Protein backbone atom coordinates (compact mmCIF):
# COMPACT_ATOMS: atom_id res chain seq x y z
CA UNK A 1 -1.95 30.49 -18.12
CA UNK A 2 -1.08 29.13 -14.75
CA UNK A 3 -4.53 27.59 -14.29
CA UNK A 4 -4.26 25.86 -17.40
CA UNK A 5 -0.55 23.66 -16.11
CA UNK A 6 -0.60 20.33 -15.53
CA UNK A 7 0.09 20.79 -12.19
CA UNK A 8 -3.21 22.83 -11.35
CA UNK A 9 -5.49 20.10 -13.34
CA UNK A 10 -4.02 17.32 -11.29
CA UNK A 11 -4.62 19.13 -8.12
CA UNK A 12 -7.87 20.34 -10.03
CA UNK A 13 -8.82 16.02 -9.57
CA UNK A 14 -7.87 15.14 -6.67
CA UNK A 15 -9.83 18.39 -5.33
CA UNK A 16 -12.66 16.81 -7.77
CA UNK A 17 -12.26 13.44 -6.09
CA UNK A 18 -12.11 14.51 -2.07
CA UNK A 19 -15.25 16.49 -3.41
CA UNK A 20 -17.26 13.48 -3.97
CA UNK A 21 -16.16 11.27 -1.30
CA UNK A 22 -17.13 14.07 0.93
CA UNK A 23 -20.52 14.08 -0.87
CA UNK A 24 -21.13 10.49 -0.46
CA UNK A 25 -20.68 10.49 3.52
CA UNK A 26 -22.72 13.63 3.76
CA UNK A 27 -25.63 11.32 1.58
CA UNK A 28 -24.53 7.72 3.20
CA UNK A 29 -28.26 6.73 3.67
CA UNK A 30 -28.84 7.01 0.47
CA UNK A 31 -26.51 4.23 0.23
CA UNK A 32 -27.48 2.06 2.67
CA UNK A 33 -29.83 -0.49 0.50
CA UNK A 34 -26.87 -1.26 -0.98
CA UNK A 35 -24.30 -1.68 1.37
CA UNK A 36 -27.46 -4.36 3.09
CA UNK A 37 -27.44 -5.84 0.06
CA UNK A 38 -23.48 -6.43 -1.00
CA UNK A 39 -23.12 -7.30 2.98
CA UNK A 40 -25.92 -10.04 3.52
CA UNK A 41 -24.99 -11.79 -0.62
CA UNK A 42 -21.44 -10.76 -0.15
CA UNK A 43 -20.47 -14.25 1.96
CA UNK A 44 -23.07 -16.53 0.16
CA UNK A 45 -21.55 -15.48 -3.46
CA UNK A 46 -18.00 -16.25 -2.31
CA UNK A 47 -18.62 -19.19 -0.78
CA UNK A 48 -20.40 -20.19 -3.89
CA UNK A 49 -18.03 -19.13 -6.26
CA UNK A 50 -15.34 -20.81 -4.24
CA UNK A 51 -17.32 -24.18 -4.64
CA UNK A 52 -18.18 -23.81 -8.31
CA UNK A 53 -14.65 -23.51 -9.71
CA UNK A 54 -14.02 -26.66 -7.20
CA UNK A 55 -16.67 -28.81 -8.57
CA UNK A 56 -16.87 -27.70 -12.46
CA UNK A 57 -14.52 -30.47 -13.17
CA UNK A 58 -16.44 -33.12 -12.05
CA UNK A 59 -19.59 -31.42 -13.18
CA UNK A 60 -18.20 -31.32 -16.86
CA UNK A 61 -16.68 -35.21 -16.74
CA UNK A 62 -20.29 -35.95 -15.80
CA UNK A 63 -21.86 -34.40 -18.71
CA UNK A 64 -18.94 -35.51 -21.01
CA UNK A 65 -20.18 -38.89 -20.07
CA UNK A 66 -23.29 -38.21 -21.40
CA UNK A 67 -25.51 -37.28 -17.65
CA UNK A 68 -27.98 -34.71 -18.30
CA UNK A 69 -26.25 -30.93 -16.88
CA UNK A 70 -28.55 -30.91 -13.75
CA UNK A 71 -27.96 -34.36 -12.68
CA UNK A 72 -24.77 -34.17 -12.81
CA UNK A 73 -24.91 -31.42 -10.17
CA UNK A 74 -27.46 -33.09 -8.49
CA UNK A 75 -24.72 -36.78 -8.27
CA UNK A 76 -21.39 -34.15 -7.71
CA UNK A 77 -24.06 -32.68 -4.56
CA UNK A 78 -25.38 -35.88 -3.31
CA UNK A 79 -21.08 -37.10 -3.46
CA UNK A 80 -20.17 -34.02 -2.25
CA UNK A 81 -22.54 -34.65 0.96
CA UNK A 82 -21.41 -38.29 1.25
CA UNK A 83 -18.09 -37.16 2.03
CA UNK A 84 -18.74 -34.87 4.94
CA UNK A 85 -20.79 -37.57 6.35
CA UNK A 86 -18.08 -39.86 6.27
CA UNK A 87 -15.33 -36.73 7.64
CA UNK A 88 -18.36 -36.67 10.32
CA UNK A 89 -18.39 -40.05 11.39
CA UNK A 90 -14.87 -40.63 11.14
CA UNK A 91 -12.69 -37.21 11.70
CA UNK A 92 -15.11 -35.27 13.97
CA UNK A 93 -14.71 -37.18 17.29
CA UNK A 94 -11.29 -37.28 17.00
CA UNK A 95 -11.71 -33.49 16.84
CA UNK A 96 -14.03 -32.96 19.10
CA UNK A 97 -11.78 -35.08 21.95
CA UNK A 98 -8.91 -33.04 20.79
CA UNK A 99 -10.41 -29.73 20.88
CA UNK A 100 -12.09 -30.61 24.08
CA UNK A 101 -8.94 -31.58 26.13
CA UNK A 102 -7.15 -28.85 24.79
CA UNK A 103 -9.67 -26.46 25.93
CA UNK A 104 -9.17 -28.00 29.13
CA UNK A 105 -5.82 -27.58 29.66
CA UNK A 106 -5.27 -24.01 27.39
CA UNK A 107 -4.70 -22.18 31.14
CA UNK A 108 -1.92 -24.95 32.26
CA UNK A 109 -0.88 -24.29 28.67
CA UNK A 110 -0.28 -20.95 28.40
CA UNK A 111 1.06 -20.53 32.10
CA UNK A 112 2.99 -23.13 31.18
CA UNK A 113 4.49 -21.53 27.65
CA UNK A 114 4.26 -18.17 30.02
CA UNK A 115 6.61 -19.59 32.60
CA UNK A 116 8.63 -21.36 29.86
CA UNK A 117 9.28 -18.11 27.97
CA UNK A 118 10.48 -16.67 31.74
CA UNK A 119 12.84 -18.83 32.30
CA UNK A 120 15.12 -18.60 29.26
CA UNK A 121 14.80 -14.77 29.51
CA UNK A 122 15.58 -15.09 32.24
CA UNK A 123 19.13 -16.82 31.36
CA UNK A 124 22.57 -15.14 30.90
CA UNK A 125 22.57 -15.55 27.14
CA UNK A 126 19.27 -14.18 26.23
CA UNK A 127 19.20 -11.51 28.70
CA UNK A 128 22.47 -9.79 27.14
CA UNK A 129 20.98 -10.41 23.64
CA UNK A 130 17.82 -8.82 24.44
CA UNK A 131 19.38 -5.93 25.88
CA UNK A 132 21.50 -5.33 23.45
CA UNK A 133 17.76 -4.93 21.72
CA UNK A 134 16.42 -2.61 24.40
CA UNK A 135 13.21 -5.14 24.97
CA UNK A 136 11.16 -6.50 27.77
CA UNK A 137 10.68 -9.97 26.99
CA UNK A 138 8.41 -10.23 30.82
CA UNK A 139 6.35 -7.14 29.99
CA UNK A 140 5.96 -9.08 26.58
CA UNK A 141 4.88 -12.08 27.93
CA UNK A 142 2.70 -11.01 30.04
CA UNK A 143 0.65 -8.66 27.84
CA UNK A 144 0.29 -11.12 25.84
CA UNK A 145 -1.36 -13.79 28.28
CA UNK A 146 -3.25 -11.15 29.07
CA UNK A 147 -4.57 -10.27 25.92
CA UNK A 148 -5.21 -13.87 24.93
CA UNK A 149 -7.54 -14.56 27.93
CA UNK A 150 -9.13 -11.35 27.75
CA UNK A 151 -9.96 -12.23 24.18
CA UNK A 152 -11.19 -15.79 25.18
CA UNK A 153 -13.60 -14.04 27.97
CA UNK A 154 -14.93 -12.05 25.04
CA UNK A 155 -15.43 -14.85 22.60
CA UNK A 156 -17.32 -17.09 25.86
CA UNK A 157 -19.60 -14.13 27.10
CA UNK A 158 -20.39 -12.42 23.86
CA UNK A 159 -23.67 -14.27 23.14
CA UNK A 160 -24.76 -12.03 20.85
CA UNK A 161 -22.24 -12.88 18.21
CA UNK A 162 -22.23 -16.28 18.80
CA UNK A 163 -25.83 -16.18 17.85
CA UNK A 164 -25.41 -13.63 14.44
CA UNK A 165 -22.66 -16.24 13.64
CA UNK A 166 -24.78 -19.00 14.10
CA UNK A 167 -27.78 -17.39 11.88
CA UNK A 168 -25.03 -16.13 9.41
CA UNK A 169 -24.00 -20.12 8.89
CA UNK A 170 -27.69 -21.56 8.33
CA UNK A 171 -27.99 -18.42 6.22
CA UNK A 172 -25.17 -19.77 3.87
CA UNK A 173 -25.90 -23.72 4.06
CA UNK A 174 -29.79 -22.64 2.86
CA UNK A 175 -28.81 -20.94 0.23
CA UNK A 176 -25.28 -21.57 -1.18
CA UNK A 177 -26.61 -24.77 -2.85
CA UNK A 178 -29.17 -23.27 -4.68
CA UNK A 179 -26.53 -20.08 -5.95
CA UNK A 180 -24.34 -22.96 -6.36
CA UNK A 181 -26.50 -25.30 -8.60
CA UNK A 182 -27.13 -22.14 -10.92
CA UNK A 183 -24.00 -21.34 -11.64
CA UNK A 184 -23.21 -25.14 -12.65
CA UNK A 185 -25.77 -24.91 -14.61
CA UNK A 186 -25.68 -21.41 -16.42
CA UNK A 187 -22.39 -20.37 -16.14
CA UNK A 188 -21.70 -20.18 -19.84
CA UNK A 189 -24.48 -18.32 -19.83
CA UNK A 190 -23.18 -15.41 -18.11
CA UNK A 191 -19.94 -15.46 -20.00
CA UNK A 192 -22.35 -15.09 -22.73
CA UNK A 193 -24.21 -12.52 -21.67
CA UNK A 194 -21.02 -10.39 -21.13
CA UNK A 195 -19.77 -10.83 -24.27
CA UNK A 196 -23.08 -9.24 -25.96
CA UNK A 197 -22.08 -6.25 -24.82
CA UNK A 198 -19.13 -5.92 -26.73
CA UNK A 199 -18.95 -4.64 -30.08
CA UNK A 200 -18.97 -7.36 -32.40
CA UNK A 201 -15.20 -7.12 -34.11
CA UNK A 202 -13.85 -8.01 -30.04
CA UNK A 203 -15.51 -10.82 -29.21
CA UNK A 204 -13.17 -13.21 -30.77
CA UNK A 205 -10.48 -10.65 -28.02
CA UNK A 206 -12.78 -10.31 -25.19
CA UNK A 207 -13.87 -14.31 -25.20
CA UNK A 208 -9.91 -15.10 -25.03
CA UNK A 209 -9.53 -13.03 -22.28
CA UNK A 210 -12.44 -14.38 -20.16
CA UNK A 211 -11.20 -17.99 -20.92
CA UNK A 212 -7.85 -16.62 -19.76
CA UNK A 213 -9.42 -14.89 -16.30
CA UNK A 214 -10.95 -17.98 -15.88
CA UNK A 215 -8.54 -20.46 -15.99
CA UNK A 216 -6.20 -18.51 -14.34
CA UNK A 217 -8.67 -18.09 -11.42
CA UNK A 218 -9.71 -22.26 -10.92
CA UNK A 219 -5.93 -23.25 -10.98
CA UNK A 220 -5.39 -20.63 -7.55
CA UNK A 221 -8.56 -21.72 -6.51
CA UNK A 222 -8.45 -25.80 -7.14
CA UNK A 223 -4.59 -25.30 -7.22
CA UNK A 224 -4.57 -23.64 -2.76
CA UNK A 225 -7.16 -25.82 -1.71
CA UNK A 226 -4.85 -28.81 -2.61
CA UNK A 227 -2.21 -28.06 -1.53
CA UNK A 228 -3.33 -26.89 1.82
CA UNK A 229 -4.69 -30.63 1.77
CA UNK A 230 -1.73 -31.92 1.00
CA UNK A 231 0.40 -30.22 3.78
CA UNK A 232 -2.19 -30.38 6.27
CA UNK A 233 -1.99 -34.34 5.31
CA UNK A 234 1.83 -34.41 5.76
CA UNK A 235 1.63 -32.51 8.86
CA UNK A 236 -0.51 -34.82 10.49
CA UNK A 237 1.93 -37.65 9.66
CA UNK A 238 4.74 -36.41 10.84
CA UNK A 239 2.35 -35.22 14.31
CA UNK A 240 1.51 -38.87 14.94
CA UNK A 241 5.06 -40.13 14.22
CA UNK A 242 6.18 -38.26 16.37
CA UNK A 243 3.56 -38.58 19.24
CA UNK A 244 2.86 -34.63 19.86
CA UNK A 245 -0.57 -34.08 21.18
CA UNK A 246 -3.27 -32.88 19.61
CA UNK A 247 -2.40 -34.03 15.98
CA UNK A 248 -4.64 -33.44 14.12
CA UNK A 249 -5.88 -30.31 15.38
CA UNK A 250 -2.85 -28.68 15.06
CA UNK A 251 -2.55 -30.54 10.86
CA UNK A 252 -6.08 -29.10 10.86
CA UNK A 253 -4.70 -25.93 11.59
CA UNK A 254 -1.49 -25.44 9.27
CA UNK A 255 -3.82 -26.87 6.15
CA UNK A 256 -5.96 -23.97 6.59
CA UNK A 257 -3.81 -20.66 7.41
CA UNK A 258 -1.42 -22.72 4.21
CA UNK A 259 -3.47 -20.41 2.33
CA UNK A 260 -0.93 -17.63 2.91
CA UNK A 261 2.04 -17.99 1.29
CA UNK A 262 5.32 -17.86 3.18
CA UNK A 263 3.80 -17.10 6.32
CA UNK A 264 1.47 -19.20 6.70
CA UNK A 265 3.92 -22.57 7.92
CA UNK A 266 5.42 -20.24 10.58
CA UNK A 267 1.42 -19.40 11.69
CA UNK A 268 1.54 -23.37 11.67
CA UNK A 269 4.07 -23.97 13.41
CA UNK A 270 2.76 -21.60 16.22
CA UNK A 271 0.43 -23.50 18.55
CA UNK A 272 2.08 -26.65 17.40
CA UNK A 273 5.76 -25.64 18.77
CA UNK A 274 3.63 -24.05 22.20
CA UNK A 275 2.08 -27.68 22.67
CA UNK A 276 5.43 -28.71 22.12
CA UNK A 277 6.61 -26.91 25.23
CA UNK A 278 4.60 -28.66 27.76
CA UNK A 279 6.21 -31.56 26.74
CA UNK A 280 9.88 -30.99 26.12
CA UNK A 281 12.46 -29.10 24.07
CA UNK A 282 13.54 -31.81 22.08
CA UNK A 283 9.24 -32.49 21.26
CA UNK A 284 9.52 -28.49 20.13
CA UNK A 285 12.84 -29.56 17.67
CA UNK A 286 10.80 -32.73 16.09
CA UNK A 287 8.01 -30.35 15.77
CA UNK A 288 10.47 -27.84 13.74
CA UNK A 289 11.89 -30.36 11.69
CA UNK A 290 8.03 -32.16 10.41
CA UNK A 291 7.51 -27.93 9.63
CA UNK A 292 10.58 -27.46 7.63
CA UNK A 293 10.24 -30.96 5.80
CA UNK A 294 6.56 -30.32 5.62
CA UNK A 295 7.45 -26.77 3.81
CA UNK A 296 10.14 -28.19 2.13
CA UNK A 297 8.18 -30.72 0.60
CA UNK A 298 4.99 -28.35 -0.47
CA UNK A 299 7.31 -25.37 -1.77
CA UNK A 300 9.49 -27.67 -3.58
CA UNK A 301 7.99 -30.57 -4.82
CA UNK A 302 3.55 -29.70 -4.43
CA UNK A 303 3.45 -26.28 -5.50
CA UNK A 304 5.31 -25.94 -8.75
CA UNK A 305 3.62 -29.24 -10.47
CA UNK A 306 0.37 -27.62 -9.14
CA UNK A 307 0.16 -24.26 -9.45
CA UNK A 308 2.75 -23.63 -11.49
CA UNK A 309 4.62 -20.07 -11.71
CA UNK A 310 1.41 -17.54 -12.81
CA UNK A 311 0.68 -16.31 -9.57
CA UNK A 312 3.51 -15.42 -7.70
CA UNK A 313 3.07 -12.97 -5.26
CA UNK A 314 6.90 -11.01 -4.11
CA UNK A 315 7.27 -11.54 -0.46
CA UNK A 316 7.64 -7.51 0.13
CA UNK A 317 4.13 -7.58 -1.00
CA UNK A 318 2.65 -9.78 1.26
CA UNK A 319 4.09 -8.85 4.17
CA UNK A 320 2.94 -5.24 3.71
CA UNK A 321 -0.47 -6.26 2.50
CA UNK A 322 -0.91 -8.92 5.52
CA UNK A 323 0.44 -6.24 8.20
CA UNK A 324 -2.57 -3.80 6.73
CA UNK A 325 -4.84 -6.08 6.22
CA UNK A 326 -4.61 -7.49 10.23
CA UNK A 327 -4.50 -3.75 11.36
CA UNK A 328 -7.79 -3.01 9.92
CA UNK A 329 -9.21 -6.22 10.02
CA UNK A 330 -8.36 -8.65 12.74
CA UNK A 331 -6.67 -12.43 11.83
CA UNK A 332 -9.83 -13.36 9.66
CA UNK A 333 -8.68 -10.62 7.47
CA UNK A 334 -4.87 -11.81 7.57
CA UNK A 335 -6.30 -15.08 6.26
CA UNK A 336 -8.45 -14.01 3.67
CA UNK A 337 -5.94 -10.95 2.21
CA UNK A 338 -3.30 -12.68 0.23
CA UNK A 339 -6.16 -15.00 -1.60
CA UNK A 340 -8.24 -11.98 -1.99
CA UNK A 341 -5.65 -9.71 -3.04
CA UNK A 342 -4.39 -12.93 -5.31
CA UNK A 343 -7.95 -13.07 -7.19
CA UNK A 344 -8.38 -9.20 -7.29
CA UNK A 345 -5.44 -8.42 -8.79
CA UNK A 346 -5.89 -11.07 -11.78
CA UNK A 347 -9.57 -10.03 -12.00
CA UNK A 348 -8.36 -6.47 -12.13
CA UNK A 349 -5.76 -6.84 -14.90
CA UNK A 350 -8.13 -8.87 -17.12
CA UNK A 351 -10.84 -5.79 -16.59
CA UNK A 352 -8.18 -3.47 -17.49
CA UNK A 353 -7.10 -5.57 -20.43
CA UNK A 354 -11.11 -5.40 -21.44
CA UNK A 355 -11.04 -1.69 -21.38
CA UNK A 356 -8.03 -1.15 -23.52
CA UNK A 357 -9.78 -3.26 -26.11
CA UNK A 358 -12.95 -1.63 -25.31
CA UNK A 359 -12.08 2.15 -26.00
CA UNK A 360 -8.82 1.16 -28.04
CA UNK A 361 -9.96 -0.71 -30.48
CA UNK A 362 -6.76 -2.35 -32.42
CA UNK A 363 -6.06 -1.51 -35.72
CA UNK A 364 -7.39 -3.46 -38.12
CA UNK A 365 -10.62 -4.54 -36.56
């Protein structure tokens, strides 16, 4: 019969999915407590998970020296606190001074960048080039400056958002150390608890998959932090050599944006080029040379040695992902999109493998 054909079965499945979504929207109040729970715990668990993979090698190293695990965790905490204190004492004043100077000169930077852009747009060769694409450069530059000024005004005037951000940071500072402590101390028990849910015939396979998933996620998180730090140091050295203003802030921006593969290199170069435009065209050229050298070292020497080839993502996938997430979430989403996607991809692939073992056990088990 026709209603039993494959086409109709697919149609029934799609209608059933839409019906479930519609019912879920109508009874959304039932899931509100779950929504609040997820929103409250997401950030602390995410930060704790990242720190867990960064701190665990140090904790394991100390436990191998016959130090009790709880004491080893406390020693790592003290070392981290000492490192943060050193950064605050020696680096924070420089960053604060440069940030204050940058904020004070930001209107002038914007005006200079816009005026230089307009001068470029009025040049004869560039005008012919732009006209071939039917693009109004003056209108684009005016809108970009207007949007930037509006964004800065919103950040400065939205007191409620600032208070909420401070409260969230305080909540993270208070809760993350406790969550992280129990993750570092009882992390193995979590894996053992998952293994208890699996049949005895599949425990060895599941244990191997969990170990591989843990190793891959650990490699990605530690590798990204190490690579980003090295890129930041390379950019800082280069910026200090060429003598550009706000070298520490620009290097910090390069370090943060480098967590976005491929695209992060271009994002890191944008603020440095804007600052260099105020100086001279020759400074812009020197900034471009520094950024290119830093990214070549990172792409050809650092990343292959630290990251290997286990976590490669196609550039087209990254571009589409950034376009979608940027439209839905904004700049912060673009910063987190690729790392979250990479980790989620690892987890989904391995969980799918686990489900295959769970419902389709290998022959002979």
